[in-house]
Amino acid sequence: MRGDNMERRQFLRLAQVGAIASLGGHWAAHAQGGGLSLQWFGHTCFFFTGSGQRVLVNPFRAIGCTKGLQPPRVTADIVMISSRLLDEGYIEGLRGQPKLLFQPGSYKVNGLSIQGIRTSHDRVGGFRFGVNVVWRWQQGGINLLHMGGIAMPITIEQRILMGRPDVMMVPVGGTDKAYRAEEAKAAIEVLQPRLVIPCHYRTAAADPNNCDLAALEDFLKVMEGTPVRRSGGAALSLSAANLPPKTTIQVLSI
């Protein structure tokens, strides 16, 4: 209980530090070049560096499907959270004073235009697991879309806000809280991203007795015929010039 209270105090402190005025209206991209570096920490946690900013999405606690993973120990300027479930929104121990975003809305933070799009974290309109926030922003000249733990099909209104991403991080391992392989494929067909990075699937780091995610191979089988790149590691460097012209899957490994 004491640990939970401490985490809550830290969350509120970071939320106050990150409290910024909502822009209102629709998200608008700003030209930002120079390329982008990203690192996958496992599950739905990514760290992006570019445009002079360090962005961390969905830090987690090592438990269940993330039991054998190392939580991110990085210094971020901005932290985005899709939900406050343990596998996506654990902020205890974050370094520095990052600006914390955890609610849907339009924001301008440190020169980045960011759109948080409200979706459901289950297949019953959010009644079981609440709201999932999909994050859209441009960094290093690349349009990014992090789907978090989305579980329901994309509506017309959501599609308008999401646009056509250059790089899309999408959950593919299923359970009651995120897309199964077939659902991820349907979302990809709607949005037509240039590069798809699958996440939220079962890895060797999972607790074998406490993880019901499906393996990546299930998704790759469903996406048969789509080009697949394998980086051989958890880090990737991107620029607008080296993005594939049509949808390609980028597999990272940890």
C-alpha atoms as a PDB file:
ATOM      1  CA  MET A   1       0.000   0.000   0.000  1.00  0.00           C
ATOM      2  CA  ARG A   2       2.848   2.370   0.830  1.00  0.00           C
ATOM      3  CA  GLY A   3       4.442   1.713  -2.542  1.00  0.00           C
ATOM      4  CA  ASP A   4       1.153   2.397  -4.324  1.00  0.00           C
ATOM      5  CA  ASN A   5       0.779   5.706  -2.484  1.00  0.00           C
ATOM      6  CA  MET A   6       4.317   6.720  -3.405  1.00  0.00           C
ATOM      7  CA  GLU A   7       3.687   5.875  -7.049  1.00  0.00           C
ATOM      8  CA  ARG A   8       0.456   7.880  -7.001  1.00  0.00           C
ATOM      9  CA  ARG A   9       2.263  10.903  -5.555  1.00  0.00           C
ATOM     10  CA  GLN A  10       4.944  10.656  -8.231  1.00  0.00           C
ATOM     11  CA  PHE A  11       2.312  10.337 -10.965  1.00  0.00           C
ATOM     12  CA  LEU A  12       0.508  13.445  -9.713  1.00  0.00           C
ATOM     13  CA  ARG A  13       3.793  15.346  -9.445  1.00  0.00           C
ATOM     14  CA  LEU A  14       4.768  14.513 -13.025  1.00  0.00           C
ATOM     15  CA  ALA A  15       1.260  15.261 -14.232  1.00  0.00           C
ATOM     16  CA  GLN A  16       1.527  18.722 -12.670  1.00  0.00           C
ATOM     17  CA  VAL A  17       4.953  19.248 -14.226  1.00  0.00           C
ATOM     18  CA  GLY A  18       3.551  18.142 -17.570  1.00  0.00           C
ATOM     19  CA  ALA A  19       0.320  20.109 -17.361  1.00  0.00           C
ATOM     20  CA  ILE A  20       0.188  22.059 -20.607  1.00  0.00           C
ATOM     21  CA  ALA A  21      -2.522  23.908 -22.497  1.00  0.00           C
ATOM     22  CA  SER A  22      -4.551  21.888 -24.977  1.00  0.00           C
ATOM     23  CA  LEU A  23      -4.377  23.282 -28.497  1.00  0.00           C
ATOM     24  CA  GLY A  24      -7.902  22.208 -29.439  1.00  0.00           C
ATOM     25  CA  GLY A  25      -8.888  21.352 -33.005  1.00  0.00           C
ATOM     26  CA  HIS A  26      -6.992  18.849 -35.123  1.00  0.00           C
ATOM     27  CA  TRP A  27      -3.340  17.866 -34.959  1.00  0.00           C
ATOM     28  CA  ALA A  28      -1.076  19.698 -37.389  1.00  0.00           C
ATOM     29  CA  ALA A  29       2.364  18.457 -38.420  1.00  0.00           C
ATOM     30  CA  HIS A  30       5.400  20.705 -38.300  1.00  0.00           C
ATOM     31  CA  ALA A  31       8.385  20.059 -40.516  1.00  0.00           C
ATOM     32  CA  GLN A  32      11.148  18.558 -38.398  1.00  0.00           C
ATOM     33  CA  GLY A  33      14.064  16.865 -40.123  1.00  0.00           C
ATOM     34  CA  GLY A  34      17.237  15.225 -38.970  1.00  0.00           C
ATOM     35  CA  GLY A  35      16.086  11.631 -38.658  1.00  0.00           C
ATOM     36  CA  LEU A  36      14.959   9.546 -35.734  1.00  0.00           C
ATOM     37  CA  SER A  37      16.376   6.836 -33.477  1.00  0.00           C
ATOM     38  CA  LEU A  38      14.103   4.447 -31.624  1.00  0.00           C
ATOM     39  CA  GLN A  39      14.646   1.694 -29.104  1.00  0.00           C
ATOM     40  CA  TRP A  40      12.215  -1.015 -28.075  1.00  0.00           C
ATOM     41  CA  PHE A  41      12.289  -2.100 -24.437  1.00  0.00           C
ATOM     42  CA  GLY A  42       9.664  -4.793 -24.968  1.00  0.00           C
ATOM     43  CA  HIS A  43       5.875  -4.940 -24.742  1.00  0.00           C
ATOM     44  CA  THR A  44       4.576  -1.499 -25.847  1.00  0.00           C
ATOM     45  CA  CYS A  45       7.512   0.519 -24.478  1.00  0.00           C
ATOM     46  CA  PHE A  46       9.545   2.566 -26.967  1.00  0.00           C
ATOM     47  CA  PHE A  47      12.088   5.378 -26.642  1.00  0.00           C
ATOM     48  CA  PHE A  48      12.413   7.922 -29.465  1.00  0.00           C
ATOM     49  CA  THR A  49      15.239  10.416 -29.972  1.00  0.00           C
ATOM     50  CA  GLY A  50      15.068  13.129 -32.604  1.00  0.00           C
ATOM     51  CA  SER A  51      14.265  16.819 -33.170  1.00  0.00           C
ATOM     52  CA  GLY A  52      16.193  17.552 -29.979  1.00  0.00           C
ATOM     53  CA  GLN A  53      13.652  15.626 -27.874  1.00  0.00           C
ATOM     54  CA  ARG A  54      13.617  12.292 -26.041  1.00  0.00           C
ATOM     55  CA  VAL A  55      10.176  10.655 -25.925  1.00  0.00           C
ATOM     56  CA  LEU A  56       9.359   7.584 -23.836  1.00  0.00           C
ATOM     57  CA  VAL A  57       6.088   5.713 -24.397  1.00  0.00           C
ATOM     58  CA  ASN A  58       4.536   3.237 -21.954  1.00  0.00           C
ATOM     59  CA  PRO A  59       7.179   2.447 -19.311  1.00  0.00           C
ATOM     60  CA  PHE A  60       6.282  -0.775 -17.507  1.00  0.00           C
ATOM     61  CA  ARG A  61       6.803  -2.875 -14.414  1.00  0.00           C
ATOM     62  CA  ALA A  62       8.607  -6.206 -14.923  1.00  0.00           C
ATOM     63  CA  ILE A  63       5.770  -8.617 -14.159  1.00  0.00           C
ATOM     64  CA  GLY A  64       3.836 -11.275 -16.048  1.00  0.00           C
ATOM     65  CA  CYS A  65       4.526 -10.922 -19.769  1.00  0.00           C
ATOM     66  CA  THR A  66       7.329  -8.440 -19.003  1.00  0.00           C
ATOM     67  CA  LYS A  67       8.861 -10.377 -16.099  1.00  0.00           C
ATOM     68  CA  GLY A  68      12.258 -10.950 -17.700  1.00  0.00           C
ATOM     69  CA  LEU A  69      12.570  -7.511 -19.303  1.00  0.00           C
ATOM     70  CA  GLN A  70      14.623  -4.589 -18.053  1.00  0.00           C
ATOM     71  CA  PRO A  71      12.407  -1.537 -17.438  1.00  0.00           C
ATOM     72  CA  PRO A  72      13.619   1.595 -19.240  1.00  0.00           C
ATOM     73  CA  ARG A  73      16.300   3.517 -17.359  1.00  0.00           C
ATOM     74  CA  VAL A  74      16.482   6.501 -19.661  1.00  0.00           C
ATOM     75  CA  THR A  75      16.103  10.241 -19.254  1.00  0.00           C
ATOM     76  CA  ALA A  76      13.129  11.512 -21.232  1.00  0.00           C
ATOM     77  CA  ASP A  77      11.789  14.976 -21.944  1.00  0.00           C
ATOM     78  CA  ILE A  78       8.279  13.678 -22.624  1.00  0.00           C
ATOM     79  CA  VAL A  79       6.539  10.539 -21.340  1.00  0.00           C
ATOM     80  CA  MET A  80       3.350   9.336 -23.015  1.00  0.00           C
ATOM     81  CA  ILE A  81       1.118   6.752 -21.362  1.00  0.00           C
ATOM     82  CA  SER A  82      -1.620   4.828 -23.165  1.00  0.00           C
ATOM     83  CA  SER A  83      -3.230   3.522 -19.977  1.00  0.00           C
ATOM     84  CA  ARG A  84      -2.384   2.986 -16.333  1.00  0.00           C
ATOM     85  CA  LEU A  85      -2.295  -0.796 -16.443  1.00  0.00           C
ATOM     86  CA  LEU A  86       0.941  -2.240 -15.076  1.00  0.00           C
ATOM     87  CA  ASP A  87       2.243  -3.176 -18.510  1.00  0.00           C
ATOM     88  CA  GLU A  88       1.897   0.356 -19.916  1.00  0.00           C
ATOM     89  CA  GLY A  89       1.818   3.127 -17.344  1.00  0.00           C
ATOM     90  CA  TYR A  90       4.323   2.439 -14.560  1.00  0.00           C
ATOM     91  CA  ILE A  91       6.168   5.689 -13.913  1.00  0.00           C
ATOM     92  CA  GLU A  92       7.973   4.994 -10.630  1.00  0.00           C
ATOM     93  CA  GLY A  93      11.683   5.756 -10.905  1.00  0.00           C
ATOM     94  CA  LEU A  94      11.511   7.905 -14.028  1.00  0.00           C
ATOM     95  CA  ARG A  95      14.558  10.116 -14.285  1.00  0.00           C
ATOM     96  CA  GLY A  96      14.422  13.891 -14.383  1.00  0.00           C
ATOM     97  CA  GLN A  97      11.274  15.972 -14.701  1.00  0.00           C
ATOM     98  CA  PRO A  98       9.635  14.759 -17.939  1.00  0.00           C
ATOM     99  CA  LYS A  99       6.369  16.202 -19.146  1.00  0.00           C
ATOM    100  CA  LEU A 100       3.736  13.506 -18.652  1.00  0.00           C
ATOM    101  CA  LEU A 101       0.868  13.011 -21.100  1.00  0.00           C
ATOM    102  CA  PHE A 102      -1.816  10.470 -20.263  1.00  0.00           C
ATOM    103  CA  GLN A 103      -5.142  11.874 -21.490  1.00  0.00           C
ATOM    104  CA  PRO A 104      -6.607  12.263 -24.996  1.00  0.00           C
ATOM    105  CA  GLY A 105      -6.232  15.716 -26.500  1.00  0.00           C
ATOM    106  CA  SER A 106      -4.103  17.971 -28.686  1.00  0.00           C
ATOM    107  CA  TYR A 107      -0.842  19.230 -27.209  1.00  0.00           C
ATOM    108  CA  LYS A 108       2.209  21.287 -28.082  1.00  0.00           C
ATOM    109  CA  VAL A 109       5.178  20.161 -26.001  1.00  0.00           C
ATOM    110  CA  ASN A 110       8.772  21.349 -26.477  1.00  0.00           C
ATOM    111  CA  GLY A 111       8.067  22.101 -30.118  1.00  0.00           C
ATOM    112  CA  LEU A 112       6.366  18.766 -30.853  1.00  0.00           C
ATOM    113  CA  SER A 113       2.709  18.635 -31.906  1.00  0.00           C
ATOM    114  CA  ILE A 114       1.094  15.622 -30.224  1.00  0.00           C
ATOM    115  CA  GLN A 115      -2.376  14.135 -30.597  1.00  0.00           C
ATOM    116  CA  GLY A 116      -3.772  11.710 -28.023  1.00  0.00           C
ATOM    117  CA  ILE A 117      -6.670   9.778 -29.549  1.00  0.00           C
ATOM    118  CA  ARG A 118      -9.261   8.108 -27.314  1.00  0.00           C
ATOM    119  CA  THR A 119      -9.877   4.413 -28.065  1.00  0.00           C
ATOM    120  CA  SER A 120     -10.986   1.367 -26.060  1.00  0.00           C
ATOM    121  CA  HIS A 121      -8.696  -1.018 -24.193  1.00  0.00           C
ATOM    122  CA  ASP A 122     -11.125  -3.910 -24.627  1.00  0.00           C
ATOM    123  CA  ARG A 123     -13.779  -5.154 -27.046  1.00  0.00           C
ATOM    124  CA  VAL A 124     -16.742  -3.865 -25.026  1.00  0.00           C
ATOM    125  CA  GLY A 125     -16.299  -0.113 -25.354  1.00  0.00           C
ATOM    126  CA  GLY A 126     -13.880   0.249 -22.460  1.00  0.00           C
ATOM    127  CA  PHE A 127     -16.217  -1.182 -19.828  1.00  0.00           C
ATOM    128  CA  ARG A 128     -13.648  -3.787 -18.677  1.00  0.00           C
ATOM    129  CA  PHE A 129     -10.257  -2.121 -19.028  1.00  0.00           C
ATOM    130  CA  GLY A 130     -11.062   1.502 -19.722  1.00  0.00           C
ATOM    131  CA  VAL A 131      -9.570   3.984 -22.156  1.00  0.00           C
ATOM    132  CA  ASN A 132      -6.526   3.423 -24.331  1.00  0.00           C
ATOM    133  CA  VAL A 133      -4.793   6.489 -25.759  1.00  0.00           C
ATOM    134  CA  VAL A 134      -3.278   6.190 -29.220  1.00  0.00           C
ATOM    135  CA  TRP A 135      -0.450   8.720 -29.630  1.00  0.00           C
ATOM    136  CA  ARG A 136       0.298  10.512 -32.887  1.00  0.00           C
ATOM    137  CA  TRP A 137       3.171  12.940 -33.373  1.00  0.00           C
ATOM    138  CA  GLN A 138       5.939  13.956 -35.739  1.00  0.00           C
ATOM    139  CA  GLN A 139       9.580  13.676 -34.717  1.00  0.00           C
ATOM    140  CA  GLY A 140      12.703  13.759 -36.843  1.00  0.00           C
ATOM    141  CA  GLY A 141      10.576  14.425 -39.927  1.00  0.00           C
ATOM    142  CA  ILE A 142       8.649  11.161 -39.451  1.00  0.00           C
ATOM    143  CA  ASN A 143       4.949  10.773 -38.635  1.00  0.00           C
ATOM    144  CA  LEU A 144       4.629   8.308 -35.756  1.00  0.00           C
ATOM    145  CA  LEU A 145       1.578   6.455 -34.501  1.00  0.00           C
ATOM    146  CA  HIS A 146       1.744   4.376 -31.315  1.00  0.00           C
ATOM    147  CA  MET A 147      -1.417   2.309 -30.906  1.00  0.00           C
ATOM    148  CA  GLY A 148      -0.857   1.420 -27.231  1.00  0.00           C
ATOM    149  CA  GLY A 149      -3.267  -1.338 -26.191  1.00  0.00           C
ATOM    150  CA  ILE A 150      -6.072  -0.677 -28.654  1.00  0.00           C
ATOM    151  CA  ALA A 151      -8.569  -3.540 -28.892  1.00  0.00           C
ATOM    152  CA  MET A 152     -11.528  -2.309 -30.977  1.00  0.00           C
ATOM    153  CA  PRO A 153     -11.725  -1.541 -34.710  1.00  0.00           C
ATOM    154  CA  ILE A 154     -10.824   1.970 -35.804  1.00  0.00           C
ATOM    155  CA  THR A 155     -13.814   4.282 -36.270  1.00  0.00           C
ATOM    156  CA  ILE A 156     -14.082   6.853 -39.045  1.00  0.00           C
ATOM    157  CA  GLU A 157     -13.447   9.683 -36.575  1.00  0.00           C
ATOM    158  CA  GLN A 158     -10.380   7.940 -35.151  1.00  0.00           C
ATOM    159  CA  ARG A 159      -9.049   7.268 -38.635  1.00  0.00           C
ATOM    160  CA  ILE A 160      -9.235  10.966 -39.483  1.00  0.00           C
ATOM    161  CA  LEU A 161      -7.212  11.841 -36.371  1.00  0.00           C
ATOM    162  CA  MET A 162      -4.684   9.055 -36.964  1.00  0.00           C
ATOM    163  CA  GLY A 163      -4.042   9.981 -40.599  1.00  0.00           C
ATOM    164  CA  ARG A 164      -1.564   7.906 -42.591  1.00  0.00           C
ATOM    165  CA  PRO A 165       1.479   7.207 -40.396  1.00  0.00           C
ATOM    166  CA  ASP A 166       5.000   6.694 -41.645  1.00  0.00           C
ATOM    167  CA  VAL A 167       5.720   4.358 -38.723  1.00  0.00           C
ATOM    168  CA  MET A 168       3.044   2.507 -36.766  1.00  0.00           C
ATOM    169  CA  MET A 169       3.636   0.613 -33.514  1.00  0.00           C
ATOM    170  CA  VAL A 170       0.800  -1.892 -33.145  1.00  0.00           C
ATOM    171  CA  PRO A 171      -0.034  -4.622 -30.594  1.00  0.00           C
ATOM    172  CA  VAL A 172      -0.408  -8.047 -32.168  1.00  0.00           C
ATOM    173  CA  GLY A 173      -0.410 -10.581 -29.302  1.00  0.00           C
ATOM    174  CA  GLY A 174      -4.066 -10.436 -28.395  1.00  0.00           C
ATOM    175  CA  THR A 175      -5.667 -11.169 -24.995  1.00  0.00           C
ATOM    176  CA  ASP A 176      -8.747  -9.254 -23.860  1.00  0.00           C
ATOM    177  CA  LYS A 177      -6.811  -5.967 -23.803  1.00  0.00           C
ATOM    178  CA  ALA A 178      -5.228  -5.568 -27.244  1.00  0.00           C
ATOM    179  CA  TYR A 179      -5.391  -6.559 -30.894  1.00  0.00           C
ATOM    180  CA  ARG A 180      -5.083 -10.144 -32.010  1.00  0.00           C
ATOM    181  CA  ALA A 181      -3.141 -10.774 -35.216  1.00  0.00           C
ATOM    182  CA  GLU A 182      -6.188 -10.526 -37.476  1.00  0.00           C
ATOM    183  CA  GLU A 183      -7.351  -7.311 -35.789  1.00  0.00           C
ATOM    184  CA  ALA A 184      -3.906  -5.757 -36.164  1.00  0.00           C
ATOM    185  CA  LYS A 185      -3.946  -6.654 -39.857  1.00  0.00           C
ATOM    186  CA  ALA A 186      -7.325  -4.945 -40.283  1.00  0.00           C
ATOM    187  CA  ALA A 187      -6.008  -1.748 -38.645  1.00  0.00           C
ATOM    188  CA  ILE A 188      -2.934  -1.788 -40.873  1.00  0.00           C
ATOM    189  CA  GLU A 189      -5.116  -2.131 -43.966  1.00  0.00           C
ATOM    190  CA  VAL A 190      -7.155   0.888 -42.836  1.00  0.00           C
ATOM    191  CA  LEU A 191      -4.191   3.168 -42.093  1.00  0.00           C
ATOM    192  CA  GLN A 192      -1.683   1.981 -44.733  1.00  0.00           C
ATOM    193  CA  PRO A 193       1.512   2.839 -42.799  1.00  0.00           C
ATOM    194  CA  ARG A 194       4.848   2.632 -44.563  1.00  0.00           C
ATOM    195  CA  LEU A 195       6.540   0.788 -41.701  1.00  0.00           C
ATOM    196  CA  VAL A 196       4.829  -1.441 -39.120  1.00  0.00           C
ATOM    197  CA  ILE A 197       6.595  -2.346 -35.874  1.00  0.00           C
ATOM    198  CA  PRO A 198       4.693  -5.143 -34.096  1.00  0.00           C
ATOM    199  CA  CYS A 199       4.754  -5.187 -30.299  1.00  0.00           C
ATOM    200  CA  HIS A 200       2.821  -6.539 -27.296  1.00  0.00           C
ATOM    201  CA  TYR A 201       3.460 -10.191 -28.127  1.00  0.00           C
ATOM    202  CA  ARG A 202       4.933 -13.093 -26.200  1.00  0.00           C
ATOM    203  CA  THR A 203       8.735 -13.183 -25.934  1.00  0.00           C
ATOM    204  CA  ALA A 204      11.215 -15.361 -24.087  1.00  0.00           C
ATOM    205  CA  ALA A 205      11.120 -12.793 -21.266  1.00  0.00           C
ATOM    206  CA  ALA A 206       7.530 -13.691 -20.335  1.00  0.00           C
ATOM    207  CA  ASP A 207       6.614 -15.544 -17.159  1.00  0.00           C
ATOM    208  CA  PRO A 208       5.584 -18.948 -18.597  1.00  0.00           C
ATOM    209  CA  ASN A 209       2.884 -19.298 -15.933  1.00  0.00           C
ATOM    210  CA  ASN A 210       1.489 -15.784 -16.153  1.00  0.00           C
ATOM    211  CA  CYS A 211       1.324 -14.573 -19.750  1.00  0.00           C
ATOM    212  CA  ASP A 212      -1.386 -15.333 -22.290  1.00  0.00           C
ATOM    213  CA  LEU A 213      -0.030 -13.327 -25.226  1.00  0.00           C
ATOM    214  CA  ALA A 214       0.363 -15.005 -28.604  1.00  0.00           C
ATOM    215  CA  ALA A 215       3.746 -15.229 -30.322  1.00  0.00           C
ATOM    216  CA  LEU A 216       4.905 -12.912 -33.116  1.00  0.00           C
ATOM    217  CA  GLU A 217       4.773 -15.778 -35.615  1.00  0.00           C
ATOM    218  CA  ASP A 218       0.965 -15.748 -35.473  1.00  0.00           C
ATOM    219  CA  PHE A 219       0.962 -12.167 -36.748  1.00  0.00           C
ATOM    220  CA  LEU A 220       3.585 -12.791 -39.425  1.00  0.00           C
ATOM    221  CA  LYS A 221       1.560 -15.726 -40.710  1.00  0.00           C
ATOM    222  CA  VAL A 222      -1.563 -13.579 -40.996  1.00  0.00           C
ATOM    223  CA  MET A 223       0.494 -10.894 -42.798  1.00  0.00           C
ATOM    224  CA  GLU A 224       2.001 -13.359 -45.284  1.00  0.00           C
ATOM    225  CA  GLY A 225       2.942 -11.555 -48.481  1.00  0.00           C
ATOM    226  CA  THR A 226       3.930  -8.324 -46.700  1.00  0.00           C
ATOM    227  CA  PRO A 227       7.696  -7.632 -46.810  1.00  0.00           C
ATOM    228  CA  VAL A 228       9.474  -8.256 -43.483  1.00  0.00           C
ATOM    229  CA  ARG A 229      12.688  -6.653 -42.252  1.00  0.00           C
ATOM    230  CA  ARG A 230      14.559  -7.999 -39.222  1.00  0.00           C
ATOM    231  CA  SER A 231      16.937  -5.663 -37.432  1.00  0.00           C
ATOM    232  CA  GLY A 232      18.602  -8.257 -35.195  1.00  0.00           C
ATOM    233  CA  GLY A 233      18.367  -5.866 -32.244  1.00  0.00           C
ATOM    234  CA  ALA A 234      16.129  -3.508 -30.324  1.00  0.00           C
ATOM    235  CA  ALA A 235      17.352  -0.230 -31.864  1.00  0.00           C
ATOM    236  CA  LEU A 236      16.586   1.339 -35.219  1.00  0.00           C
ATOM    237  CA  SER A 237      17.629   4.510 -37.021  1.00  0.00           C
ATOM    238  CA  LEU A 238      15.186   6.032 -39.494  1.00  0.00           C
ATOM    239  CA  SER A 239      14.898   8.958 -41.845  1.00  0.00           C
ATOM    240  CA  ALA A 240      12.105  10.033 -44.138  1.00  0.00           C
ATOM    241  CA  ALA A 241      14.308   9.150 -47.105  1.00  0.00           C
ATOM    242  CA  ASN A 242      14.869   5.508 -46.135  1.00  0.00           C
ATOM    243  CA  LEU A 243      11.290   4.566 -45.336  1.00  0.00           C
ATOM    244  CA  PRO A 244       9.823   1.872 -47.608  1.00  0.00           C
ATOM    245  CA  PRO A 245       7.362   3.058 -50.294  1.00  0.00           C
ATOM    246  CA  LYS A 246       4.727   0.477 -49.308  1.00  0.00           C
ATOM    247  CA  THR A 247       3.761  -1.257 -46.078  1.00  0.00           C
ATOM    248  CA  THR A 248       6.683  -3.233 -44.640  1.00  0.00           C
ATOM    249  CA  ILE A 249       6.969  -5.024 -41.294  1.00  0.00           C
ATOM    250  CA  GLN A 250       9.995  -4.199 -39.141  1.00  0.00           C
ATOM    251  CA  VAL A 251      10.760  -6.853 -36.525  1.00  0.00           C
ATOM    252  CA  LEU A 252      12.860  -5.750 -33.551  1.00  0.00           C
ATOM    253  CA  SER A 253      14.299  -8.170 -31.007  1.00  0.00           C
ATOM    254  CA  ILE A 254      15.227  -7.895 -27.339  1.00  0.00           C
END
